Amino acid sequence: MHERVAAAIRRYSMFRPGDRVAVAVSGGADSVALLDILVRLAPRWNLKLRVAHFNHRLRGEESEADARFVADLADRYGLAFELGRADVAGIAAAEKENLEQAARRARLAFFGGLIARGEVDRVALGHTRSDQAETVLFRLLRGSGLAGLAGIWPVTEEGLVRPLIELTREQVRAYLTERKLVWREDATNWQLRLARNRIRHELLPRLVRDFNPELVDALARLAALAQGEELYWKQEIDRLAAAELHRRGPAIHLRCSHLRRLPEAAARRLLRRAIELAKGDMRKVEFEHVERLIELAAACQGTGGLALPGLSVERSFDWLRLAPGGAPGGGFEEIPLRIPGTYQVPGRPWRLRLDIAPWPEGFRPGAGGYNTGGGADLDYRIAGGDLRLRSWRAGDRFRPLGRASETKLKELFHRARIPVWERDGWPMITYEGQIAWVWRFGVAEGFQARPGAPQSVRVLECADERGG
């Protein structure tokens, strides 16, 4: 048994020499066996072991007794003991999720905290091949995709390892019996109202008996195949995400036309990555949500949007925008301007600087157009008036330099193919209530610097925080 576990550790590179390892012990059979086996194998990798137990506070005195049992077990092995606690029932009620999900999240947060704080390098969990088979079957019944069928990973990026993943539950129990090791039984593991328990005690045994005696191995092989596929796709989506997903503040942007050119399998996975980057996780995101995103990106004209769990999605022209929470925020409050002065533009990674600028000999102001930071020059006479920086509002009209009449800014946005979400907070300068300058569209007709005037009001977009 020890050699089989050691082989799995080597196969999946679970430990490095000298690793500090927290062994997660619930008090149940699998975790007690894991602790005993790792204590015996630790010298091979010079592992520094400690015991970690998480009390979910779901079973009253029984939960407290479990914690005392594991603490005594750690003491018998001469190992340090780490105890985590949480009111999982309260968390589940607050988050409106089932107890099993809330317990898992709280438990993993405790283990992850040990790693994040640098107390341990790895956390070893007692999942077995039997757990793997039950997980794959459970997810198959729920309609999971290939990522879900990968089941329980032997090693995770977060630092969780599962040395018993090649052993069945029956082999683990035989090990404990042979060595006369004591464990605690959790009564909730027999509550058939829980889907996982019905799979463990009723469905899987029946399938093994009536359809395939080797079903546990078959499901474990399916997980291994899916994990190989997922490792390939992760590398491929890492490459695609670097090229196609663009972070702008909290939002993720990607081009619809590029998404449409991808094979369907790659498009789905790229969208899942975009959701995860924008939202922070994939909780409550189902297959249908990704399909709706694909449909939204497939439209060739107009705008559109949809709401996903914890996510707002908009399409405008050729761009898809995914942002956490609700829709993009609106504009900003008006900011009075003084000359000279430098002002942070809300929602933009740059500042606006206004100066009185003398005209060099032979200098001729440009005709407006897009301001990319090279500067725009306004009539010097506005310097002493009511100058304000504000954002675009619906209905704003603007007469670009050299044009005979005003036009709605909305139309200019459309012609320039500026997505709808980028228009929120679009900066402009007003003089006595009239629009004198608009970012990227330049100076308004009638506000341009006059030829022959000795000075102008110079507007500069500054990339650095000092306004230089």
Protein backbone atom coordinates (compact mmCIF):
# COMPACT_ATOMS: atom_id res chain seq x y z
CA MET A 1 0.00 0.00 0.00
CA HIS A 2 2.78 2.42 0.89
CA GLU A 3 4.51 1.76 -2.41
CA ARG A 4 1.31 2.39 -4.40
CA VAL A 5 0.86 5.73 -2.69
CA ALA A 6 4.55 6.57 -3.18
CA ALA A 7 4.21 5.73 -6.89
CA ALA A 8 1.21 8.09 -7.21
CA ILE A 9 3.16 10.84 -5.43
CA ARG A 10 6.04 10.43 -7.90
CA ARG A 11 3.76 10.10 -10.95
CA TYR A 12 2.02 13.39 -10.27
CA SER A 13 5.00 15.19 -8.68
CA MET A 14 2.94 15.93 -5.57
CA PHE A 15 5.83 16.86 -3.31
CA ARG A 16 9.24 18.46 -3.56
CA PRO A 17 12.02 17.58 -1.13
CA GLY A 18 11.56 19.45 2.13
CA ASP A 19 7.94 20.51 1.50
CA ARG A 20 5.87 21.58 4.48
CA VAL A 21 2.62 19.62 4.22
CA ALA A 22 -0.66 20.03 6.07
CA VAL A 23 -2.54 16.73 6.10
CA ALA A 24 -6.27 17.47 6.05
CA VAL A 25 -7.85 15.10 8.57
CA SER A 26 -11.61 15.06 9.12
CA GLY A 27 -11.43 12.04 11.42
CA GLY A 28 -12.96 9.75 8.81
CA ALA A 29 -11.38 6.58 7.47
CA ASP A 30 -9.74 8.01 4.36
CA SER A 31 -8.08 10.95 6.10
CA VAL A 32 -6.85 8.83 9.03
CA ALA A 33 -5.28 6.38 6.57
CA LEU A 34 -3.75 9.28 4.64
CA LEU A 35 -2.12 10.63 7.77
CA ASP A 36 -0.67 7.26 8.78
CA ILE A 37 0.69 6.58 5.29
CA LEU A 38 2.25 10.04 4.89
CA VAL A 39 3.91 9.79 8.31
CA ARG A 40 5.60 6.61 7.07
CA LEU A 41 6.51 8.03 3.66
CA ALA A 42 7.60 11.49 4.85
CA PRO A 43 11.33 10.62 5.21
CA ARG A 44 11.54 9.81 1.48
CA TRP A 45 10.88 13.47 0.63
CA ASN A 46 11.96 14.95 3.95
CA LEU A 47 8.41 16.24 4.41
CA LYS A 48 7.52 18.48 7.36
CA LEU A 49 4.02 17.35 8.32
CA ARG A 50 1.28 18.95 10.38
CA VAL A 51 -2.40 18.10 10.82
CA ALA A 52 -5.21 20.43 9.72
CA HIS A 53 -8.86 19.99 10.70
CA PHE A 54 -11.85 22.12 9.72
CA ASN A 55 -14.92 22.23 11.96
CA HIS A 56 -18.04 23.07 9.92
CA ARG A 57 -20.17 23.33 13.09
CA LEU A 58 -22.98 21.42 11.42
CA ARG A 59 -23.42 18.52 13.87
CA GLY A 60 -23.19 20.16 17.27
CA GLU A 61 -21.28 18.09 19.82
CA GLU A 62 -20.35 15.49 17.19
CA SER A 63 -18.42 18.15 15.27
CA GLU A 64 -16.63 19.19 18.45
CA ALA A 65 -15.83 15.54 19.21
CA ASP A 66 -14.36 15.13 15.71
CA ALA A 67 -12.06 18.10 16.33
CA ARG A 68 -10.90 16.66 19.66
CA PHE A 69 -10.31 13.25 18.06
CA VAL A 70 -8.12 14.74 15.32
CA ALA A 71 -6.22 16.90 17.81
CA ASP A 72 -5.45 13.77 19.88
CA LEU A 73 -4.41 11.93 16.72
CA ALA A 74 -1.98 14.72 15.80
CA ASP A 75 -0.56 14.59 19.31
CA ARG A 76 0.00 10.81 19.10
CA TYR A 77 1.99 11.30 15.90
CA GLY A 78 3.87 14.21 17.44
CA LEU A 79 2.60 16.70 14.85
CA ALA A 80 1.40 20.29 15.12
CA PHE A 81 -2.37 20.77 14.89
CA GLU A 82 -4.21 23.50 12.94
CA LEU A 83 -7.92 24.05 13.59
CA GLY A 84 -10.27 26.04 11.38
CA ARG A 85 -13.90 26.84 12.18
CA ALA A 86 -16.86 28.41 10.40
CA ASP A 87 -20.62 28.68 10.77
CA VAL A 88 -21.31 26.92 7.49
CA ALA A 89 -25.09 26.91 7.96
CA GLY A 90 -25.04 30.69 8.36
CA ILE A 91 -22.79 31.09 5.32
CA ALA A 92 -25.08 28.89 3.20
CA ALA A 93 -28.13 30.91 4.21
CA ALA A 94 -26.41 34.22 3.49
CA GLU A 95 -25.08 33.07 0.12
CA LYS A 96 -28.29 31.19 -0.79
CA GLU A 97 -26.44 27.99 -1.62
CA ASN A 98 -26.70 24.43 -0.36
CA LEU A 99 -24.81 23.26 2.72
CA GLU A 100 -22.47 20.98 0.77
CA GLN A 101 -21.30 23.79 -1.50
CA ALA A 102 -20.89 26.22 1.40
CA ALA A 103 -18.96 23.64 3.43
CA ARG A 104 -16.61 22.91 0.56
CA ARG A 105 -15.92 26.60 -0.07
CA ALA A 106 -15.27 27.30 3.61
CA ARG A 107 -13.02 24.27 3.95
CA LEU A 108 -10.98 25.11 0.86
CA ALA A 109 -10.66 28.72 2.03
CA PHE A 110 -9.13 27.43 5.28
CA PHE A 111 -6.66 25.20 3.44
CA GLY A 112 -5.88 27.89 0.91
CA GLY A 113 -5.18 30.32 3.73
CA LEU A 114 -2.51 28.01 5.16
CA ILE A 115 -0.74 28.07 1.79
CA ALA A 116 -1.28 31.78 1.13
CA ARG A 117 0.19 32.74 4.51
CA GLY A 118 3.28 30.67 3.77
CA GLU A 119 2.67 28.24 6.63
CA VAL A 120 2.69 25.19 4.34
CA ASP A 121 3.62 24.39 0.75
CA ARG A 122 0.99 21.70 0.15
CA VAL A 123 -2.26 20.49 1.66
CA ALA A 124 -2.84 16.74 1.30
CA LEU A 125 -6.46 15.55 1.00
CA GLY A 126 -7.77 12.00 1.38
CA HIS A 127 -9.80 11.60 -1.82
CA THR A 128 -9.69 8.09 -3.29
CA ARG A 129 -10.38 6.43 -6.62
CA SER A 130 -13.88 5.69 -5.33
CA ASP A 131 -14.45 9.40 -4.70
CA GLN A 132 -13.24 10.06 -8.24
CA ALA A 133 -15.76 7.62 -9.72
CA GLU A 134 -18.63 9.05 -7.67
CA THR A 135 -17.70 12.61 -8.64
CA VAL A 136 -17.57 11.81 -12.37
CA LEU A 137 -20.89 9.97 -12.23
CA PHE A 138 -22.50 12.79 -10.26
CA ARG A 139 -21.33 15.40 -12.75
CA LEU A 140 -22.33 13.23 -15.71
CA LEU A 141 -25.86 13.01 -14.31
CA ARG A 142 -25.93 16.79 -13.92
CA GLY A 143 -24.98 17.28 -17.58
CA SER A 144 -21.46 18.52 -16.97
CA GLY A 145 -19.08 19.29 -19.82
CA LEU A 146 -15.63 17.84 -20.33
CA ALA A 147 -14.07 20.10 -17.69
CA GLY A 148 -16.46 18.69 -15.10
CA LEU A 149 -15.79 15.10 -16.15
CA ALA A 150 -12.13 15.65 -15.32
CA GLY A 151 -13.35 15.14 -11.76
CA ILE A 152 -10.87 15.37 -8.90
CA TRP A 153 -7.37 16.48 -9.91
CA PRO A 154 -4.43 14.70 -8.23
CA VAL A 155 -2.62 18.05 -7.98
CA THR A 156 -4.12 21.53 -8.27
CA GLU A 157 -2.56 24.88 -9.07
CA GLU A 158 -3.55 26.04 -5.58
CA GLY A 159 -1.30 23.42 -3.94
CA LEU A 160 -3.82 20.69 -3.04
CA VAL A 161 -2.57 17.12 -3.52
CA ARG A 162 -4.39 13.76 -3.25
CA PRO A 163 -1.96 10.90 -2.57
CA LEU A 164 -4.73 8.26 -2.22
CA ILE A 165 -6.27 8.97 -5.63
CA GLU A 166 -5.13 5.58 -7.01
CA LEU A 167 -6.68 3.57 -4.14
CA THR A 168 -10.28 2.49 -3.68
CA ARG A 169 -12.22 3.10 -0.48
CA GLU A 170 -12.25 -0.63 0.19
CA GLN A 171 -8.45 -0.80 0.01
CA VAL A 172 -8.18 2.07 2.46
CA ARG A 173 -10.54 0.38 4.93
CA ALA A 174 -8.55 -2.84 4.64
CA TYR A 175 -5.37 -0.90 5.47
CA LEU A 176 -6.96 0.62 8.57
CA THR A 177 -8.31 -2.74 9.75
CA GLU A 178 -4.98 -4.48 9.24
CA ARG A 179 -3.20 -1.85 11.35
CA LYS A 180 -6.00 -1.59 13.92
CA LEU A 181 -6.35 2.15 13.31
CA VAL A 182 -9.47 3.85 14.68
CA TRP A 183 -11.52 6.44 12.82
CA ARG A 184 -14.85 8.25 13.28
CA GLU A 185 -17.96 7.79 11.18
CA ASP A 186 -19.91 10.85 10.07
CA ALA A 187 -23.60 10.00 10.24
CA THR A 188 -24.40 12.50 7.51
CA ASN A 189 -22.52 10.26 5.04
CA TRP A 190 -25.52 7.89 5.23
CA GLN A 191 -28.25 10.47 4.75
CA LEU A 192 -29.84 9.45 1.45
CA ARG A 193 -31.50 12.83 0.98
CA LEU A 194 -28.08 13.98 -0.26
CA ALA A 195 -27.52 13.18 -3.94
CA ARG A 196 -23.88 12.18 -3.44
CA ASN A 197 -24.84 9.67 -0.76
CA ARG A 198 -27.51 8.11 -2.98
CA ILE A 199 -24.90 7.75 -5.71
CA ARG A 200 -22.40 6.20 -3.28
CA HIS A 201 -24.72 3.79 -1.50
CA GLU A 202 -27.40 3.03 -4.10
CA LEU A 203 -26.74 4.00 -7.71
CA LEU A 204 -23.06 3.16 -8.19
CA PRO A 205 -23.28 -0.26 -6.47
CA ARG A 206 -26.32 -1.11 -8.61
CA LEU A 207 -24.53 -0.10 -11.81
CA VAL A 208 -21.49 -2.13 -10.81
CA ARG A 209 -23.67 -5.14 -10.07
CA ASP A 210 -25.98 -4.97 -13.10
CA PHE A 211 -23.90 -3.34 -15.86
CA ASN A 212 -20.14 -3.18 -15.35
CA PRO A 213 -18.16 -4.73 -12.49
CA GLU A 214 -15.22 -2.47 -13.48
CA LEU A 215 -17.26 0.73 -13.53
CA VAL A 216 -15.22 2.48 -10.83
CA ASP A 217 -12.06 1.97 -12.88
CA ALA A 218 -13.87 2.99 -16.07
CA LEU A 219 -15.06 6.26 -14.53
CA ALA A 220 -11.59 6.94 -13.12
CA ARG A 221 -10.10 6.37 -16.61
CA LEU A 222 -12.67 8.78 -18.06
CA ALA A 223 -11.50 11.39 -15.54
CA ALA A 224 -7.87 10.78 -16.50
CA LEU A 225 -8.70 11.18 -20.21
CA ALA A 226 -10.66 14.38 -19.51
CA GLN A 227 -7.78 15.75 -17.44
CA GLY A 228 -5.39 15.18 -20.36
CA GLU A 229 -7.79 17.04 -22.66
CA GLU A 230 -8.13 19.87 -20.16
CA LEU A 231 -4.37 20.27 -19.83
CA TYR A 232 -4.10 20.62 -23.62
CA TRP A 233 -6.98 23.09 -23.80
CA LYS A 234 -5.61 25.16 -20.94
CA GLN A 235 -2.40 25.78 -22.90
CA GLU A 236 -4.38 26.58 -26.05
CA ILE A 237 -6.78 28.94 -24.27
CA ASP A 238 -3.88 30.61 -22.45
CA ARG A 239 -2.48 31.41 -25.90
CA LEU A 240 -5.82 32.59 -27.30
CA ALA A 241 -6.66 34.62 -24.20
CA ALA A 242 -3.36 36.49 -24.37
CA ALA A 243 -4.15 37.50 -27.95
CA GLU A 244 -7.92 38.01 -27.82
CA LEU A 245 -8.99 39.05 -24.30
CA HIS A 246 -8.31 42.66 -23.36
CA ARG A 247 -8.75 43.89 -19.79
CA ARG A 248 -9.96 47.47 -19.42
CA GLY A 249 -10.52 48.23 -15.78
CA PRO A 250 -12.77 45.54 -14.30
CA ALA A 251 -14.11 44.52 -17.73
CA ILE A 252 -12.93 42.03 -20.36
CA HIS A 253 -13.28 42.93 -24.05
CA LEU A 254 -13.02 40.71 -27.13
CA ARG A 255 -13.81 41.04 -30.82
CA CYS A 256 -16.93 39.24 -32.05
CA SER A 257 -15.47 38.69 -35.51
CA HIS A 258 -12.42 36.96 -34.03
CA LEU A 259 -14.63 34.79 -31.86
CA ARG A 260 -16.76 33.77 -34.85
CA ARG A 261 -13.65 32.59 -36.73
CA LEU A 262 -12.70 30.14 -33.98
CA PRO A 263 -13.81 26.50 -33.92
CA GLU A 264 -16.86 26.16 -31.71
CA ALA A 265 -14.99 24.23 -29.02
CA ALA A 266 -12.32 26.93 -28.77
CA ALA A 267 -14.91 29.74 -28.80
CA ARG A 268 -16.81 28.19 -25.89
CA ARG A 269 -13.68 27.77 -23.83
CA LEU A 270 -12.42 31.26 -24.61
CA LEU A 271 -15.75 32.70 -23.47
CA ARG A 272 -15.58 30.66 -20.27
CA ARG A 273 -12.12 32.11 -19.64
CA ALA A 274 -13.47 35.63 -20.30
CA ILE A 275 -16.31 35.03 -17.82
CA GLU A 276 -13.89 33.75 -15.18
CA LEU A 277 -11.55 36.72 -15.65
CA ALA A 278 -14.38 39.27 -15.47
CA LYS A 279 -16.40 37.63 -12.70
CA GLY A 280 -13.64 35.99 -10.67
CA ASP A 281 -15.18 32.51 -10.74
CA MET A 282 -17.59 30.30 -12.69
CA ARG A 283 -20.20 29.89 -9.96
CA LYS A 284 -23.75 29.49 -11.29
CA VAL A 285 -22.56 29.80 -14.91
CA GLU A 286 -24.16 27.04 -16.99
CA PHE A 287 -23.82 25.76 -20.55
CA GLU A 288 -26.84 27.82 -21.65
CA HIS A 289 -25.15 31.04 -20.52
CA VAL A 290 -22.16 30.40 -22.76
CA GLU A 291 -24.45 29.54 -25.69
CA ARG A 292 -26.30 32.83 -25.24
CA LEU A 293 -22.97 34.63 -25.38
CA ILE A 294 -22.10 32.89 -28.63
CA GLU A 295 -25.48 33.93 -30.07
CA LEU A 296 -24.91 37.53 -28.96
CA ALA A 297 -21.48 37.60 -30.62
CA ALA A 298 -22.90 36.07 -33.81
CA ALA A 299 -25.13 39.10 -34.51
CA CYS A 300 -23.54 41.24 -37.21
CA GLN A 301 -25.33 44.55 -36.66
CA GLY A 302 -26.62 46.82 -33.92
CA THR A 303 -26.07 46.47 -30.21
CA GLY A 304 -27.24 44.00 -27.62
CA GLY A 305 -26.77 42.79 -24.12
CA LEU A 306 -27.66 40.16 -21.58
CA ALA A 307 -27.26 39.48 -17.87
CA LEU A 308 -25.42 36.42 -16.61
CA PRO A 309 -25.01 35.40 -12.96
CA GLY A 310 -22.89 38.19 -11.45
CA LEU A 311 -22.03 39.54 -14.88
CA SER A 312 -23.22 42.19 -17.34
CA VAL A 313 -22.54 41.60 -21.04
CA GLU A 314 -22.87 44.11 -23.88
CA ARG A 315 -22.14 43.96 -27.58
CA SER A 316 -21.48 47.09 -29.60
CA PHE A 317 -20.15 47.06 -33.16
CA ASP A 318 -17.51 44.32 -33.23
CA TRP A 319 -16.83 44.27 -29.50
CA LEU A 320 -18.16 42.14 -26.66
CA ARG A 321 -17.76 43.51 -23.13
CA LEU A 322 -18.08 41.42 -19.97
CA ALA A 323 -18.12 43.31 -16.66
CA PRO A 324 -18.82 42.19 -13.09
CA GLY A 325 -22.08 43.17 -11.47
CA GLY A 326 -24.50 45.48 -13.22
CA ALA A 327 -24.28 47.67 -16.27
CA PRO A 328 -21.42 50.15 -16.76
CA GLY A 329 -21.52 53.28 -14.63
CA GLY A 330 -22.70 56.63 -15.92
CA GLY A 331 -20.92 59.95 -16.21
CA PHE A 332 -19.19 62.07 -13.61
CA GLU A 333 -19.93 65.31 -11.84
CA GLU A 334 -18.82 68.56 -13.48
CA ILE A 335 -15.34 69.71 -12.49
CA PRO A 336 -14.60 73.48 -12.52
CA LEU A 337 -11.37 74.22 -14.42
CA ARG A 338 -8.67 76.79 -13.75
CA ILE A 339 -5.78 77.70 -16.03
CA PRO A 340 -3.11 76.56 -15.57
CA GLY A 341 -4.25 73.30 -14.01
CA THR A 342 -4.01 69.52 -14.23
CA TYR A 343 -7.07 67.36 -13.61
CA GLN A 344 -7.62 63.63 -13.27
CA VAL A 345 -10.37 62.56 -15.64
CA PRO A 346 -12.68 60.16 -13.76
CA GLY A 347 -12.58 56.67 -15.20
CA ARG A 348 -9.61 57.41 -17.50
CA PRO A 349 -5.95 56.43 -17.00
CA TRP A 350 -4.71 59.91 -17.86
CA ARG A 351 -4.96 63.56 -16.82
CA LEU A 352 -5.98 66.69 -18.62
CA ARG A 353 -3.65 69.69 -18.47
CA LEU A 354 -4.64 73.23 -19.43
CA ASP A 355 -2.01 75.91 -19.98
CA ILE A 356 -1.71 79.35 -21.51
CA ALA A 357 0.55 78.63 -24.44
CA PRO A 358 2.43 81.16 -26.58
CA TRP A 359 2.40 80.39 -30.28
CA PRO A 360 5.78 79.62 -31.79
CA GLU A 361 6.62 81.59 -34.90
CA GLY A 362 5.00 80.03 -37.93
CA PHE A 363 2.73 77.80 -35.82
CA ARG A 364 -0.66 77.08 -37.34
CA PRO A 365 -3.39 75.30 -35.31
CA GLY A 366 -4.62 72.02 -36.71
CA ALA A 367 -8.08 71.39 -38.04
CA GLY A 368 -9.18 69.32 -35.04
CA GLY A 369 -9.95 65.63 -35.45
CA TYR A 370 -8.71 62.99 -33.05
CA ASN A 371 -6.63 64.26 -30.14
CA THR A 372 -4.07 61.59 -29.28
CA GLY A 373 -2.14 63.65 -26.79
CA GLY A 374 -0.45 66.03 -29.22
CA GLY A 375 -2.62 68.90 -28.00
CA ALA A 376 -5.54 71.09 -29.03
CA ASP A 377 -5.65 74.88 -28.93
CA LEU A 378 -8.69 76.89 -27.82
CA ASP A 379 -9.37 80.60 -28.12
CA TYR A 380 -7.40 82.46 -25.46
CA ARG A 381 -10.42 84.61 -24.63
CA ILE A 382 -12.20 81.73 -22.85
CA ALA A 383 -9.46 81.54 -20.20
CA GLY A 384 -11.23 83.88 -17.80
CA GLY A 385 -14.72 82.39 -18.17
CA ASP A 386 -16.67 79.50 -16.68
CA LEU A 387 -14.75 76.46 -17.90
CA ARG A 388 -15.86 73.01 -16.81
CA LEU A 389 -14.92 69.41 -17.45
CA ARG A 390 -17.90 67.10 -17.72
CA SER A 391 -18.99 63.85 -19.34
CA TRP A 392 -21.19 63.24 -22.35
CA ARG A 393 -24.94 63.37 -21.84
CA ALA A 394 -27.66 62.00 -24.06
CA GLY A 395 -28.74 64.69 -26.50
CA ASP A 396 -25.42 66.60 -26.52
CA ARG A 397 -24.73 68.32 -29.85
CA PHE A 398 -21.33 69.34 -31.15
CA ARG A 399 -20.11 71.29 -34.17
CA PRO A 400 -16.73 69.90 -35.17
CA LEU A 401 -14.15 72.35 -36.44
CA GLY A 402 -14.76 73.19 -40.08
CA ARG A 403 -18.34 71.85 -40.14
CA ALA A 404 -21.29 74.02 -41.15
CA SER A 405 -23.75 72.63 -38.60
CA GLU A 406 -24.03 70.82 -35.32
CA THR A 407 -24.49 67.08 -35.07
CA LYS A 408 -25.39 64.80 -32.19
CA LEU A 409 -22.40 63.36 -30.42
CA LYS A 410 -24.19 60.02 -30.51
CA GLU A 411 -23.92 60.09 -34.31
CA LEU A 412 -20.21 60.91 -34.12
CA PHE A 413 -19.71 58.02 -31.72
CA HIS A 414 -21.49 55.75 -34.17
CA ARG A 415 -19.44 56.90 -37.15
CA ALA A 416 -16.23 56.42 -35.18
CA ARG A 417 -17.47 52.96 -34.07
CA ILE A 418 -17.03 53.75 -30.41
CA PRO A 419 -18.77 51.04 -28.33
CA VAL A 420 -21.66 52.16 -26.17
CA TRP A 421 -19.91 51.36 -22.87
CA GLU A 422 -16.96 53.61 -23.74
CA ARG A 423 -19.25 56.59 -24.12
CA ASP A 424 -20.09 56.67 -20.40
CA GLY A 425 -17.87 59.30 -18.83
CA TRP A 426 -16.64 60.57 -22.23
CA PRO A 427 -14.88 63.86 -21.31
CA MET A 428 -15.47 67.28 -22.78
CA ILE A 429 -14.81 70.92 -21.87
CA THR A 430 -17.61 73.46 -21.79
CA TYR A 431 -17.44 77.27 -21.78
CA GLU A 432 -20.43 79.09 -20.34
CA GLY A 433 -22.45 75.89 -20.89
CA GLN A 434 -21.42 75.42 -24.54
CA ILE A 435 -19.30 72.49 -25.69
CA ALA A 436 -15.86 73.83 -26.62
CA TRP A 437 -13.80 70.63 -26.87
CA VAL A 438 -14.54 66.89 -26.95
CA TRP A 439 -11.98 64.20 -26.31
CA ARG A 440 -10.78 62.61 -29.57
CA PHE A 441 -13.08 64.88 -31.63
CA GLY A 442 -11.16 68.06 -30.95
CA VAL A 443 -12.16 71.74 -30.82
CA ALA A 444 -15.69 72.95 -31.57
CA GLU A 445 -16.22 75.45 -34.39
CA GLY A 446 -16.08 78.96 -32.95
CA PHE A 447 -13.75 78.00 -30.10
CA GLN A 448 -10.59 77.45 -32.11
CA ALA A 449 -7.51 79.55 -31.42
CA ARG A 450 -7.50 82.64 -33.64
CA PRO A 451 -4.74 83.08 -36.22
CA GLY A 452 -2.51 85.95 -35.19
CA ALA A 453 -3.41 85.77 -31.51
CA PRO A 454 -0.31 85.74 -29.31
CA GLN A 455 -1.59 82.95 -27.06
CA SER A 456 -4.03 80.08 -26.83
CA VAL A 457 -5.47 77.76 -24.21
CA ARG A 458 -3.50 74.54 -24.77
CA VAL A 459 -5.32 71.28 -23.87
CA LEU A 460 -3.02 68.30 -23.39
CA GLU A 461 -3.77 64.68 -22.49
CA CYS A 462 -1.05 63.54 -20.06
CA ALA A 463 -0.28 59.90 -19.46
CA ASP A 464 1.61 60.19 -16.20
CA GLU A 465 0.24 61.15 -12.78
CA ARG A 466 2.29 64.35 -12.58
CA GLY A 467 0.63 65.72 -15.70
CA GLY A 468 3.93 65.83 -17.56
